[in-house]
């Protein structure tokens, strides 16, 4: 009989494991759904021995009924576009680029407002 063990959802691997268990899938079943030949790859993701790329997170999210942003960053967002923007912004390192992005978003909002009927 398995113990009821708390899952550390502060890590990417922990969130994958949490979502897999919530979906009532074994590591082998998840591997099969992901077209991954070896169950040990799923174990490696869950124990953070292998990193998860954005494209893999997108695939995992589809199978596990989640979002890539939750898997990679723990971000829970109703709007997947906002969640993706949050994820991308985390990779921006300079204030100059952050300001440029903010200016572009403001310009897009102004454009939309000006063109609404």
PDB file of N, CA and C in Angstrom:
ATOM      1  N   UNK A   1       0.835  -1.172   0.000  1.00  0.00           N
ATOM      2  CA  UNK A   1       0.000   0.000   0.000  1.00  0.00           C
ATOM      3  C   UNK A   1       0.885   1.242   0.000  1.00  0.00           C
ATOM      4  N   UNK A   2       0.541   2.232  -0.877  1.00  0.00           N
ATOM      5  CA  UNK A   2       1.342   3.443  -0.984  1.00  0.00           C
ATOM      6  C   UNK A   2       0.970   4.437   0.095  1.00  0.00           C
ATOM      7  N   UNK A   3       1.977   5.160   0.574  1.00  0.00           N
ATOM      8  CA  UNK A   3       1.758   6.218   1.549  1.00  0.00           C
ATOM      9  C   UNK A   3       1.215   7.446   0.831  1.00  0.00           C
ATOM     10  N   UNK A   4       0.449   8.236   1.548  1.00  0.00           N
ATOM     11  CA  UNK A   4      -0.039   9.498   1.015  1.00  0.00           C
ATOM     12  C   UNK A   4       1.066  10.527   1.245  1.00  0.00           C
ATOM     13  N   UNK A   5       1.881  10.776   0.233  1.00  0.00           N
ATOM     14  CA  UNK A   5       3.048  11.626   0.352  1.00  0.00           C
ATOM     15  C   UNK A   5       2.738  12.994  -0.265  1.00  0.00           C
ATOM     16  N   UNK A   6       3.129  14.044   0.443  1.00  0.00           N
ATOM     17  CA  UNK A   6       2.968  15.400  -0.050  1.00  0.00           C
ATOM     18  C   UNK A   6       3.905  15.620  -1.240  1.00  0.00           C
ATOM     19  N   UNK A   7       3.383  16.226  -2.306  1.00  0.00           N
ATOM     20  CA  UNK A   7       4.180  16.497  -3.504  1.00  0.00           C
ATOM     21  C   UNK A   7       4.637  17.943  -3.468  1.00  0.00           C
ATOM     22  N   UNK A   8       5.928  18.164  -3.702  1.00  0.00           N
ATOM     23  CA  UNK A   8       6.500  19.516  -3.713  1.00  0.00           C
ATOM     24  C   UNK A   8       6.193  20.177  -5.047  1.00  0.00           C
ATOM     25  N   UNK A   9       5.177  21.023  -5.074  1.00  0.00           N
ATOM     26  CA  UNK A   9       4.797  21.676  -6.328  1.00  0.00           C
ATOM     27  C   UNK A   9       5.553  22.985  -6.553  1.00  0.00           C
ATOM     28  N   UNK A  10       6.624  23.199  -5.780  1.00  0.00           N
ATOM     29  CA  UNK A  10       7.451  24.385  -6.016  1.00  0.00           C
ATOM     30  C   UNK A  10       8.478  24.139  -7.110  1.00  0.00           C
ATOM     31  N   UNK A  11       8.569  22.899  -7.587  1.00  0.00           N
ATOM     32  CA  UNK A  11       9.507  22.567  -8.662  1.00  0.00           C
ATOM     33  C   UNK A  11       8.738  22.151  -9.906  1.00  0.00           C
ATOM     34  N   UNK A  12       9.387  22.252 -11.053  1.00  0.00           N
ATOM     35  CA  UNK A  12       8.775  21.820 -12.308  1.00  0.00           C
ATOM     36  C   UNK A  12       8.399  20.341 -12.209  1.00  0.00           C
ATOM     37  N   UNK A  13       9.329  19.539 -11.745  1.00  0.00           N
ATOM     38  CA  UNK A  13       9.076  18.104 -11.625  1.00  0.00           C
ATOM     39  C   UNK A  13       7.923  17.788 -10.695  1.00  0.00           C
ATOM     40  N   UNK A  14       7.858  18.506  -9.596  1.00  0.00           N
ATOM     41  CA  UNK A  14       6.770  18.300  -8.646  1.00  0.00           C
ATOM     42  C   UNK A  14       5.419  18.633  -9.249  1.00  0.00           C
ATOM     43  N   UNK A  15       5.385  19.707 -10.050  1.00  0.00           N
ATOM     44  CA  UNK A  15       4.117  20.072 -10.692  1.00  0.00           C
ATOM     45  C   UNK A  15       3.713  19.037 -11.736  1.00  0.00           C
ATOM     46  N   UNK A  16       4.689  18.484 -12.464  1.00  0.00           N
ATOM     47  CA  UNK A  16       4.379  17.426 -13.435  1.00  0.00           C
ATOM     48  C   UNK A  16       3.811  16.213 -12.696  1.00  0.00           C
ATOM     49  N   UNK A  17       4.475  15.821 -11.628  1.00  0.00           N
ATOM     50  CA  UNK A  17       4.007  14.662 -10.853  1.00  0.00           C
ATOM     51  C   UNK A  17       2.611  14.915 -10.294  1.00  0.00           C
ATOM     52  N   UNK A  18       2.390  16.107  -9.741  1.00  0.00           N
ATOM     53  CA  UNK A  18       1.086  16.469  -9.193  1.00  0.00           C
ATOM     54  C   UNK A  18      -0.004  16.344 -10.263  1.00  0.00           C
ATOM     55  N   UNK A  19       0.261  16.905 -11.448  1.00  0.00           N
ATOM     56  CA  UNK A  19      -0.734  16.867 -12.525  1.00  0.00           C
ATOM     57  C   UNK A  19      -0.954  15.439 -13.029  1.00  0.00           C
ATOM     58  N   UNK A  20       0.124  14.654 -13.092  1.00  0.00           N
ATOM     59  CA  UNK A  20       0.002  13.260 -13.547  1.00  0.00           C
ATOM     60  C   UNK A  20      -0.873  12.464 -12.582  1.00  0.00           C
ATOM     61  N   UNK A  21      -0.622  12.619 -11.296  1.00  0.00           N
ATOM     62  CA  UNK A  21      -1.410  11.891 -10.298  1.00  0.00           C
ATOM     63  C   UNK A  21      -2.859  12.376 -10.313  1.00  0.00           C
ATOM     64  N   UNK A  22      -3.030  13.688 -10.441  1.00  0.00           N
ATOM     65  CA  UNK A  22      -4.384  14.249 -10.518  1.00  0.00           C
ATOM     66  C   UNK A  22      -5.148  13.674 -11.723  1.00  0.00           C
ATOM     67  N   UNK A  23      -4.422  13.423 -12.820  1.00  0.00           N
ATOM     68  CA  UNK A  23      -5.028  12.842 -14.022  1.00  0.00           C
ATOM     69  C   UNK A  23      -5.175  11.327 -13.919  1.00  0.00           C
ATOM     70  N   UNK A  24      -4.733  10.775 -12.786  1.00  0.00           N
ATOM     71  CA  UNK A  24      -4.798   9.334 -12.531  1.00  0.00           C
ATOM     72  C   UNK A  24      -4.049   8.524 -13.594  1.00  0.00           C
ATOM     73  N   UNK A  25      -2.835   8.994 -13.895  1.00  0.00           N
ATOM     74  CA  UNK A  25      -1.974   8.308 -14.863  1.00  0.00           C
ATOM     75  C   UNK A  25      -0.719   7.804 -14.169  1.00  0.00           C
ATOM     76  N   UNK A  26      -0.262   6.648 -14.587  1.00  0.00           N
ATOM     77  CA  UNK A  26       1.049   6.172 -14.134  1.00  0.00           C
ATOM     78  C   UNK A  26       2.109   6.850 -15.000  1.00  0.00           C
ATOM     79  N   UNK A  27       3.367   6.736 -14.602  1.00  0.00           N
ATOM     80  CA  UNK A  27       4.443   7.289 -15.430  1.00  0.00           C
ATOM     81  C   UNK A  27       4.447   6.614 -16.802  1.00  0.00           C
ATOM     82  N   UNK A  28       4.199   5.318 -16.829  1.00  0.00           N
ATOM     83  CA  UNK A  28       4.162   4.583 -18.106  1.00  0.00           C
ATOM     84  C   UNK A  28       3.030   5.073 -18.991  1.00  0.00           C
ATOM     85  N   UNK A  29       1.866   5.311 -18.393  1.00  0.00           N
ATOM     86  CA  UNK A  29       0.721   5.795 -19.177  1.00  0.00           C
ATOM     87  C   UNK A  29       0.974   7.196 -19.725  1.00  0.00           C
ATOM     88  N   UNK A  30       1.584   8.053 -18.911  1.00  0.00           N
ATOM     89  CA  UNK A  30       1.918   9.396 -19.386  1.00  0.00           C
ATOM     90  C   UNK A  30       2.934   9.318 -20.520  1.00  0.00           C
ATOM     91  N   UNK A  31       3.945   8.481 -20.347  1.00  0.00           N
ATOM     92  CA  UNK A  31       4.951   8.316 -21.401  1.00  0.00           C
ATOM     93  C   UNK A  31       4.295   7.864 -22.704  1.00  0.00           C
ATOM     94  N   UNK A  32       3.360   6.936 -22.606  1.00  0.00           N
ATOM     95  CA  UNK A  32       2.666   6.443 -23.794  1.00  0.00           C
ATOM     96  C   UNK A  32       1.860   7.561 -24.459  1.00  0.00           C
ATOM     97  N   UNK A  33       1.143   8.335 -23.673  1.00  0.00           N
ATOM     98  CA  UNK A  33       0.343   9.436 -24.223  1.00  0.00           C
ATOM     99  C   UNK A  33       1.233  10.513 -24.860  1.00  0.00           C
ATOM    100  N   UNK A  34       2.446  10.658 -24.338  1.00  0.00           N
ATOM    101  CA  UNK A  34       3.385  11.653 -24.850  1.00  0.00           C
ATOM    102  C   UNK A  34       4.239  11.102 -25.993  1.00  0.00           C
ATOM    103  N   UNK A  35       4.046   9.828 -26.323  1.00  0.00           N
ATOM    104  CA  UNK A  35       4.852   9.146 -27.344  1.00  0.00           C
ATOM    105  C   UNK A  35       6.330   9.146 -26.962  1.00  0.00           C
ATOM    106  N   UNK A  36       6.568   8.966 -25.659  1.00  0.00           N
ATOM    107  CA  UNK A  36       7.925   8.838 -25.128  1.00  0.00           C
ATOM    108  C   UNK A  36       8.135   7.352 -24.866  1.00  0.00           C
ATOM    109  N   UNK A  37       9.215   6.817 -25.407  1.00  0.00           N
ATOM    110  CA  UNK A  37       9.416   5.372 -25.367  1.00  0.00           C
ATOM    111  C   UNK A  37       9.741   4.825 -23.980  1.00  0.00           C
ATOM    112  N   UNK A  38      10.418   5.623 -23.167  1.00  0.00           N
ATOM    113  CA  UNK A  38      10.912   5.103 -21.892  1.00  0.00           C
ATOM    114  C   UNK A  38      10.278   5.838 -20.712  1.00  0.00           C
ATOM    115  N   UNK A  39       9.615   5.108 -19.846  1.00  0.00           N
ATOM    116  CA  UNK A  39       8.983   5.671 -18.659  1.00  0.00           C
ATOM    117  C   UNK A  39       9.988   6.407 -17.782  1.00  0.00           C
ATOM    118  N   UNK A  40      11.242   5.991 -17.829  1.00  0.00           N
ATOM    119  CA  UNK A  40      12.256   6.616 -16.974  1.00  0.00           C
ATOM    120  C   UNK A  40      12.453   8.091 -17.331  1.00  0.00           C
ATOM    121  N   UNK A  41      12.123   8.478 -18.561  1.00  0.00           N
ATOM    122  CA  UNK A  41      12.201   9.902 -18.920  1.00  0.00           C
ATOM    123  C   UNK A  41      11.204  10.713 -18.092  1.00  0.00           C
ATOM    124  N   UNK A  42       9.999  10.175 -17.899  1.00  0.00           N
ATOM    125  CA  UNK A  42       8.999  10.857 -17.081  1.00  0.00           C
ATOM    126  C   UNK A  42       9.523  10.976 -15.648  1.00  0.00           C
ATOM    127  N   UNK A  43      10.108   9.916 -15.148  1.00  0.00           N
ATOM    128  CA  UNK A  43      10.693   9.945 -13.807  1.00  0.00           C
ATOM    129  C   UNK A  43      11.775  11.018 -13.713  1.00  0.00           C
ATOM    130  N   UNK A  44      12.592  11.130 -14.744  1.00  0.00           N
ATOM    131  CA  UNK A  44      13.661  12.134 -14.752  1.00  0.00           C
ATOM    132  C   UNK A  44      13.102  13.554 -14.739  1.00  0.00           C
ATOM    133  N   UNK A  45      11.988  13.778 -15.438  1.00  0.00           N
ATOM    134  CA  UNK A  45      11.350  15.097 -15.397  1.00  0.00           C
ATOM    135  C   UNK A  45      10.783  15.362 -14.003  1.00  0.00           C
ATOM    136  N   UNK A  46      10.131  14.358 -13.434  1.00  0.00           N
ATOM    137  CA  UNK A  46       9.481  14.529 -12.137  1.00  0.00           C
ATOM    138  C   UNK A  46      10.472  14.738 -10.997  1.00  0.00           C
ATOM    139  N   UNK A  47      11.680  14.239 -11.155  1.00  0.00           N
ATOM    140  CA  UNK A  47      12.703  14.406 -10.112  1.00  0.00           C
ATOM    141  C   UNK A  47      13.684  15.528 -10.455  1.00  0.00           C
ATOM    142  N   UNK A  48      13.354  16.273 -11.501  1.00  0.00           N
ATOM    143  CA  UNK A  48      14.155  17.434 -11.930  1.00  0.00           C
ATOM    144  C   UNK A  48      15.570  17.069 -12.371  1.00  0.00           C
ATOM    145  N   UNK A  49      15.766  15.819 -12.791  1.00  0.00           N
ATOM    146  CA  UNK A  49      17.067  15.418 -13.337  1.00  0.00           C
ATOM    147  C   UNK A  49      17.185  15.810 -14.802  1.00  0.00           C
ATOM    148  N   UNK A  50      16.044  15.998 -15.471  1.00  0.00           N
ATOM    149  CA  UNK A  50      16.006  16.469 -16.860  1.00  0.00           C
ATOM    150  C   UNK A  50      15.183  17.734 -16.897  1.00  0.00           C
ATOM    151  N   UNK A  51      15.661  18.715 -17.668  1.00  0.00           N
ATOM    152  CA  UNK A  51      14.896  19.956 -17.761  1.00  0.00           C
ATOM    153  C   UNK A  51      13.783  19.811 -18.804  1.00  0.00           C
ATOM    154  N   UNK A  52      12.784  20.654 -18.655  1.00  0.00           N
ATOM    155  CA  UNK A  52      11.612  20.620 -19.528  1.00  0.00           C
ATOM    156  C   UNK A  52      11.640  21.862 -20.408  1.00  0.00           C
ATOM    157  N   UNK A  53      11.631  21.653 -21.720  1.00  0.00           N
ATOM    158  CA  UNK A  53      11.602  22.768 -22.660  1.00  0.00           C
ATOM    159  C   UNK A  53      10.190  23.323 -22.763  1.00  0.00           C
ATOM    160  N   UNK A  54      10.075  24.504 -23.363  1.00  0.00           N
ATOM    161  CA  UNK A  54       8.757  25.102 -23.563  1.00  0.00           C
ATOM    162  C   UNK A  54       7.884  24.170 -24.404  1.00  0.00           C
ATOM    163  N   UNK A  55       8.437  23.609 -25.480  1.00  0.00           N
ATOM    164  CA  UNK A  55       7.623  22.751 -26.354  1.00  0.00           C
ATOM    165  C   UNK A  55       7.158  21.488 -25.623  1.00  0.00           C
ATOM    166  N   UNK A  56       8.002  20.925 -24.782  1.00  0.00           N
ATOM    167  CA  UNK A  56       7.591  19.755 -24.004  1.00  0.00           C
ATOM    168  C   UNK A  56       6.525  20.152 -22.984  1.00  0.00           C
ATOM    169  N   UNK A  57       6.682  21.325 -22.376  1.00  0.00           N
ATOM    170  CA  UNK A  57       5.680  21.802 -21.415  1.00  0.00           C
ATOM    171  C   UNK A  57       4.328  21.993 -22.099  1.00  0.00           C
ATOM    172  N   UNK A  58       4.338  22.455 -23.344  1.00  0.00           N
ATOM    173  CA  UNK A  58       3.091  22.619 -24.098  1.00  0.00           C
ATOM    174  C   UNK A  58       2.429  21.252 -24.301  1.00  0.00           C
ATOM    175  N   UNK A  59       3.219  20.257 -24.683  1.00  0.00           N
ATOM    176  CA  UNK A  59       2.684  18.906 -24.884  1.00  0.00           C
ATOM    177  C   UNK A  59       2.166  18.316 -23.576  1.00  0.00           C
ATOM    178  N   UNK A  60       2.954  18.447 -22.508  1.00  0.00           N
ATOM    179  CA  UNK A  60       2.529  17.944 -21.198  1.00  0.00           C
ATOM    180  C   UNK A  60       1.232  18.618 -20.758  1.00  0.00           C
ATOM    181  N   UNK A  61       1.154  19.919 -20.958  1.00  0.00           N
ATOM    182  CA  UNK A  61      -0.043  20.663 -20.558  1.00  0.00           C
ATOM    183  C   UNK A  61      -1.273  20.146 -21.283  1.00  0.00           C
ATOM    184  N   UNK A  62      -1.116  19.827 -22.566  1.00  0.00           N
ATOM    185  CA  UNK A  62      -2.239  19.295 -23.326  1.00  0.00           C
ATOM    186  C   UNK A  62      -2.713  17.958 -22.787  1.00  0.00           C
ATOM    187  N   UNK A  63      -1.786  17.100 -22.463  1.00  0.00           N
ATOM    188  CA  UNK A  63      -2.124  15.764 -21.952  1.00  0.00           C
ATOM    189  C   UNK A  63      -2.653  15.843 -20.523  1.00  0.00           C
ATOM    190  N   UNK A  64      -2.095  16.748 -19.720  1.00  0.00           N
ATOM    191  CA  UNK A  64      -2.430  16.814 -18.301  1.00  0.00           C
ATOM    192  C   UNK A  64      -3.467  17.890 -17.967  1.00  0.00           C
ATOM    193  N   UNK A  65      -4.069  18.465 -18.999  1.00  0.00           N
ATOM    194  CA  UNK A  65      -5.133  19.461 -18.816  1.00  0.00           C
ATOM    195  C   UNK A  65      -4.670  20.613 -17.925  1.00  0.00           C
ATOM    196  N   UNK A  66      -3.555  21.216 -18.318  1.00  0.00           N
ATOM    197  CA  UNK A  66      -2.975  22.317 -17.565  1.00  0.00           C
ATOM    198  C   UNK A  66      -2.478  23.366 -18.554  1.00  0.00           C
ATOM    199  N   UNK A  67      -1.552  24.208 -18.115  1.00  0.00           N
ATOM    200  CA  UNK A  67      -0.919  25.181 -19.005  1.00  0.00           C
ATOM    201  C   UNK A  67       0.589  25.025 -18.899  1.00  0.00           C
ATOM    202  N   UNK A  68       1.302  25.364 -19.965  1.00  0.00           N
ATOM    203  CA  UNK A  68       2.765  25.306 -19.891  1.00  0.00           C
ATOM    204  C   UNK A  68       3.306  26.235 -18.805  1.00  0.00           C
ATOM    205  N   UNK A  69       2.628  27.361 -18.596  1.00  0.00           N
ATOM    206  CA  UNK A  69       3.090  28.307 -17.587  1.00  0.00           C
ATOM    207  C   UNK A  69       2.968  27.750 -16.178  1.00  0.00           C
ATOM    208  N   UNK A  70       1.933  26.973 -15.924  1.00  0.00           N
ATOM    209  CA  UNK A  70       1.838  26.343 -14.606  1.00  0.00           C
ATOM    210  C   UNK A  70       2.958  25.327 -14.444  1.00  0.00           C
ATOM    211  N   UNK A  71       3.183  24.518 -15.477  1.00  0.00           N
ATOM    212  CA  UNK A  71       4.221  23.487 -15.394  1.00  0.00           C
ATOM    213  C   UNK A  71       5.597  24.115 -15.178  1.00  0.00           C
ATOM    214  N   UNK A  72       5.946  25.121 -15.967  1.00  0.00           N
ATOM    215  CA  UNK A  72       7.290  25.687 -15.892  1.00  0.00           C
ATOM    216  C   UNK A  72       7.489  26.685 -14.749  1.00  0.00           C
ATOM    217  N   UNK A  73       6.461  27.508 -14.488  1.00  0.00           N
ATOM    218  CA  UNK A  73       6.651  28.605 -13.540  1.00  0.00           C
ATOM    219  C   UNK A  73       5.709  28.579 -12.342  1.00  0.00           C
ATOM    220  N   UNK A  74       4.751  27.674 -12.345  1.00  0.00           N
ATOM    221  CA  UNK A  74       3.771  27.652 -11.265  1.00  0.00           C
ATOM    222  C   UNK A  74       2.736  28.752 -11.387  1.00  0.00           C
ATOM    223  N   UNK A  75       2.677  29.398 -12.553  1.00  0.00           N
ATOM    224  CA  UNK A  75       1.733  30.494 -12.771  1.00  0.00           C
ATOM    225  C   UNK A  75       0.365  29.927 -13.098  1.00  0.00           C
ATOM    226  N   UNK A  76      -0.614  30.353 -12.324  1.00  0.00           N
ATOM    227  CA  UNK A  76      -1.990  29.950 -12.581  1.00  0.00           C
ATOM    228  C   UNK A  76      -2.692  31.162 -13.168  1.00  0.00           C
ATOM    229  N   UNK A  77      -3.118  31.049 -14.410  1.00  0.00           N
ATOM    230  CA  UNK A  77      -3.773  32.160 -15.079  1.00  0.00           C
ATOM    231  C   UNK A  77      -4.956  31.643 -15.877  1.00  0.00           C
ATOM    232  N   UNK A  78      -6.030  32.391 -15.847  1.00  0.00           N
ATOM    233  CA  UNK A  78      -7.209  32.023 -16.627  1.00  0.00           C
ATOM    234  C   UNK A  78      -6.949  32.218 -18.115  1.00  0.00           C
ATOM    235  N   UNK A  79      -6.161  33.221 -18.453  1.00  0.00           N
ATOM    236  CA  UNK A  79      -5.916  33.561 -19.855  1.00  0.00           C
ATOM    237  C   UNK A  79      -4.549  33.021 -20.278  1.00  0.00           C
ATOM    238  N   UNK A  80      -4.514  32.047 -21.199  1.00  0.00           N
ATOM    239  CA  UNK A  80      -3.229  31.464 -21.596  1.00  0.00           C
ATOM    240  C   UNK A  80      -2.292  32.464 -22.263  1.00  0.00           C
ATOM    241  N   UNK A  81      -2.836  33.482 -22.925  1.00  0.00           N
ATOM    242  CA  UNK A  81      -1.979  34.498 -23.557  1.00  0.00           C
ATOM    243  C   UNK A  81      -1.246  35.303 -22.500  1.00  0.00           C
ATOM    244  N   UNK A  82      -1.953  35.695 -21.453  1.00  0.00           N
ATOM    245  CA  UNK A  82      -1.317  36.440 -20.371  1.00  0.00           C
ATOM    246  C   UNK A  82      -0.272  35.572 -19.680  1.00  0.00           C
ATOM    247  N   UNK A  83      -0.590  34.313 -19.477  1.00  0.00           N
ATOM    248  CA  UNK A  83       0.367  33.405 -18.851  1.00  0.00           C
ATOM    249  C   UNK A  83       1.625  33.260 -19.710  1.00  0.00           C
ATOM    250  N   UNK A  84       1.459  33.175 -21.022  1.00  0.00           N
ATOM    251  CA  UNK A  84       2.628  33.057 -21.900  1.00  0.00           C
ATOM    252  C   UNK A  84       3.468  34.324 -21.865  1.00  0.00           C
ATOM    253  N   UNK A  85       2.807  35.480 -21.853  1.00  0.00           N
ATOM    254  CA  UNK A  85       3.538  36.748 -21.766  1.00  0.00           C
ATOM    255  C   UNK A  85       4.320  36.811 -20.457  1.00  0.00           C
ATOM    256  N   UNK A  86       3.699  36.399 -19.355  1.00  0.00           N
ATOM    257  CA  UNK A  86       4.398  36.379 -18.059  1.00  0.00           C
ATOM    258  C   UNK A  86       5.634  35.489 -18.122  1.00  0.00           C
ATOM    259  N   UNK A  87       5.484  34.331 -18.749  1.00  0.00           N
ATOM    260  CA  UNK A  87       6.618  33.412 -18.866  1.00  0.00           C
ATOM    261  C   UNK A  87       7.746  34.045 -19.679  1.00  0.00           C
ATOM    262  N   UNK A  88       7.406  34.646 -20.798  1.00  0.00           N
ATOM    263  CA  UNK A  88       8.422  35.257 -21.651  1.00  0.00           C
ATOM    264  C   UNK A  88       9.096  36.437 -20.960  1.00  0.00           C
ATOM    265  N   UNK A  89       8.326  37.229 -20.240  1.00  0.00           N
ATOM    266  CA  UNK A  89       8.894  38.392 -19.560  1.00  0.00           C
ATOM    267  C   UNK A  89       9.918  38.002 -18.499  1.00  0.00           C
ATOM    268  N   UNK A  90       9.756  36.824 -17.920  1.00  0.00           N
ATOM    269  CA  UNK A  90      10.723  36.381 -16.913  1.00  0.00           C
ATOM    270  C   UNK A  90      12.124  36.214 -17.492  1.00  0.00           C
ATOM    271  N   UNK A  91      12.205  36.030 -18.807  1.00  0.00           N
ATOM    272  CA  UNK A  91      13.521  35.833 -19.422  1.00  0.00           C
ATOM    273  C   UNK A  91      14.193  37.154 -19.803  1.00  0.00           C
ATOM    274  N   UNK A  92      13.466  38.265 -19.712  1.00  0.00           N
ATOM    275  CA  UNK A  92      14.027  39.572 -20.061  1.00  0.00           C
ATOM    276  C   UNK A  92      14.902  40.050 -18.914  1.00  0.00           C
ATOM    277  N   UNK A  93      16.122  40.463 -19.244  1.00  0.00           N
ATOM    278  CA  UNK A  93      17.086  40.805 -18.193  1.00  0.00           C
ATOM    279  C   UNK A  93      17.328  42.299 -18.033  1.00  0.00           C
ATOM    280  N   UNK A  94      17.145  43.071 -19.094  1.00  0.00           N
ATOM    281  CA  UNK A  94      17.500  44.488 -18.989  1.00  0.00           C
ATOM    282  C   UNK A  94      16.261  45.366 -18.884  1.00  0.00           C
ATOM    283  N   UNK A  95      16.408  46.467 -18.175  1.00  0.00           N
ATOM    284  CA  UNK A  95      15.316  47.421 -18.025  1.00  0.00           C
ATOM    285  C   UNK A  95      14.954  48.048 -19.366  1.00  0.00           C
ATOM    286  N   UNK A  96      15.954  48.266 -20.222  1.00  0.00           N
ATOM    287  CA  UNK A  96      15.693  48.875 -21.524  1.00  0.00           C
ATOM    288  C   UNK A  96      14.744  48.008 -22.352  1.00  0.00           C
ATOM    289  N   UNK A  97      14.964  46.703 -22.341  1.00  0.00           N
ATOM    290  CA  UNK A  97      14.099  45.803 -23.096  1.00  0.00           C
ATOM    291  C   UNK A  97      12.721  45.735 -22.446  1.00  0.00           C
ATOM    292  N   UNK A  98      12.659  45.727 -21.122  1.00  0.00           N
ATOM    293  CA  UNK A  98      11.363  45.726 -20.438  1.00  0.00           C
ATOM    294  C   UNK A  98      10.556  46.967 -20.818  1.00  0.00           C
ATOM    295  N   UNK A  99      11.226  48.138 -20.859  1.00  0.00           N
ATOM    296  CA  UNK A  99      10.538  49.372 -21.238  1.00  0.00           C
ATOM    297  C   UNK A  99      10.065  49.308 -22.684  1.00  0.00           C
ATOM    298  N   UNK A 100      10.882  48.725 -23.560  1.00  0.00           N
ATOM    299  CA  UNK A 100      10.498  48.591 -24.964  1.00  0.00           C
ATOM    300  C   UNK A 100       9.251  47.713 -25.100  1.00  0.00           C
ATOM    301  N   UNK A 101       9.215  46.627 -24.363  1.00  0.00           N
ATOM    302  CA  UNK A 101       8.063  45.726 -24.400  1.00  0.00           C
ATOM    303  C   UNK A 101       6.819  46.453 -23.900  1.00  0.00           C
ATOM    304  N   UNK A 102       6.946  47.179 -22.802  1.00  0.00           N
ATOM    305  CA  UNK A 102       5.811  47.912 -22.257  1.00  0.00           C
ATOM    306  C   UNK A 102       5.299  48.944 -23.265  1.00  0.00           C
ATOM    307  N   UNK A 103       6.206  49.642 -23.945  1.00  0.00           N
ATOM    308  CA  UNK A 103       5.797  50.620 -24.967  1.00  0.00           C
ATOM    309  C   UNK A 103       5.035  49.934 -26.101  1.00  0.00           C
ATOM    310  N   UNK A 104       5.492  48.767 -26.512  1.00  0.00           N
ATOM    311  CA  UNK A 104       4.818  48.049 -27.593  1.00  0.00           C
ATOM    312  C   UNK A 104       3.429  47.579 -27.174  1.00  0.00           C
ATOM    313  N   UNK A 105       3.290  47.123 -25.941  1.00  0.00           N
ATOM    314  CA  UNK A 105       1.977  46.692 -25.453  1.00  0.00           C
ATOM    315  C   UNK A 105       1.040  47.890 -25.395  1.00  0.00           C
ATOM    316  N   UNK A 106       1.537  49.024 -24.866  1.00  0.00           N
ATOM    317  CA  UNK A 106       0.708  50.230 -24.816  1.00  0.00           C
ATOM    318  C   UNK A 106       0.281  50.662 -26.214  1.00  0.00           C
ATOM    319  N   UNK A 107       1.197  50.615 -27.166  1.00  0.00           N
ATOM    320  CA  UNK A 107       0.867  50.996 -28.550  1.00  0.00           C
ATOM    321  C   UNK A 107      -0.193  50.065 -29.128  1.00  0.00           C
ATOM    322  N   UNK A 108      -0.105  48.771 -28.834  1.00  0.00           N
ATOM    323  CA  UNK A 108      -1.093  47.814 -29.332  1.00  0.00           C
ATOM    324  C   UNK A 108      -2.464  48.088 -28.730  1.00  0.00           C
ATOM    325  N   UNK A 109      -2.506  48.418 -27.443  1.00  0.00           N
ATOM    326  CA  UNK A 109      -3.772  48.725 -26.780  1.00  0.00           C
ATOM    327  C   UNK A 109      -4.373  49.997 -27.373  1.00  0.00           C
ATOM    328  N   UNK A 110      -3.543  51.009 -27.571  1.00  0.00           N
ATOM    329  CA  UNK A 110      -4.018  52.259 -28.176  1.00  0.00           C
ATOM    330  C   UNK A 110      -4.531  52.013 -29.593  1.00  0.00           C
ATOM    331  N   UNK A 111      -3.831  51.196 -30.351  1.00  0.00           N
ATOM    332  CA  UNK A 111      -4.264  50.860 -31.712  1.00  0.00           C
ATOM    333  C   UNK A 111      -5.640  50.196 -31.693  1.00  0.00           C
ATOM    334  N   UNK A 112      -5.809  49.242 -30.776  1.00  0.00           N
ATOM    335  CA  UNK A 112      -7.092  48.540 -30.682  1.00  0.00           C
ATOM    336  C   UNK A 112      -8.212  49.505 -30.312  1.00  0.00           C
ATOM    337  N   UNK A 113      -7.952  50.349 -29.328  1.00  0.00           N
ATOM    338  CA  UNK A 113      -8.973  51.329 -28.909  1.00  0.00           C
ATOM    339  C   UNK A 113      -9.349  52.273 -30.047  1.00  0.00           C
ATOM    340  N   UNK A 114      -8.367  52.702 -30.814  1.00  0.00           N
ATOM    341  CA  UNK A 114      -8.618  53.635 -31.916  1.00  0.00           C
ATOM    342  C   UNK A 114      -9.404  52.991 -33.050  1.00  0.00           C
ATOM    343  N   UNK A 115      -9.307  51.674 -33.174  1.00  0.00           N
ATOM    344  CA  UNK A 115      -9.954  50.975 -34.276  1.00  0.00           C
ATOM    345  C   UNK A 115     -11.229  50.241 -33.875  1.00  0.00           C
ATOM    346  N   UNK A 116     -11.664  50.431 -32.640  1.00  0.00           N
ATOM    347  CA  UNK A 116     -12.921  49.802 -32.215  1.00  0.00           C
ATOM    348  C   UNK A 116     -14.076  50.648 -32.721  1.00  0.00           C
ATOM    349  N   UNK A 117     -15.154  50.018 -33.065  1.00  0.00           N
ATOM    350  CA  UNK A 117     -16.318  50.723 -33.620  1.00  0.00           C
ATOM    351  C   UNK A 117     -17.235  51.189 -32.549  1.00  0.00           C
TER     352      UNK A 117
END
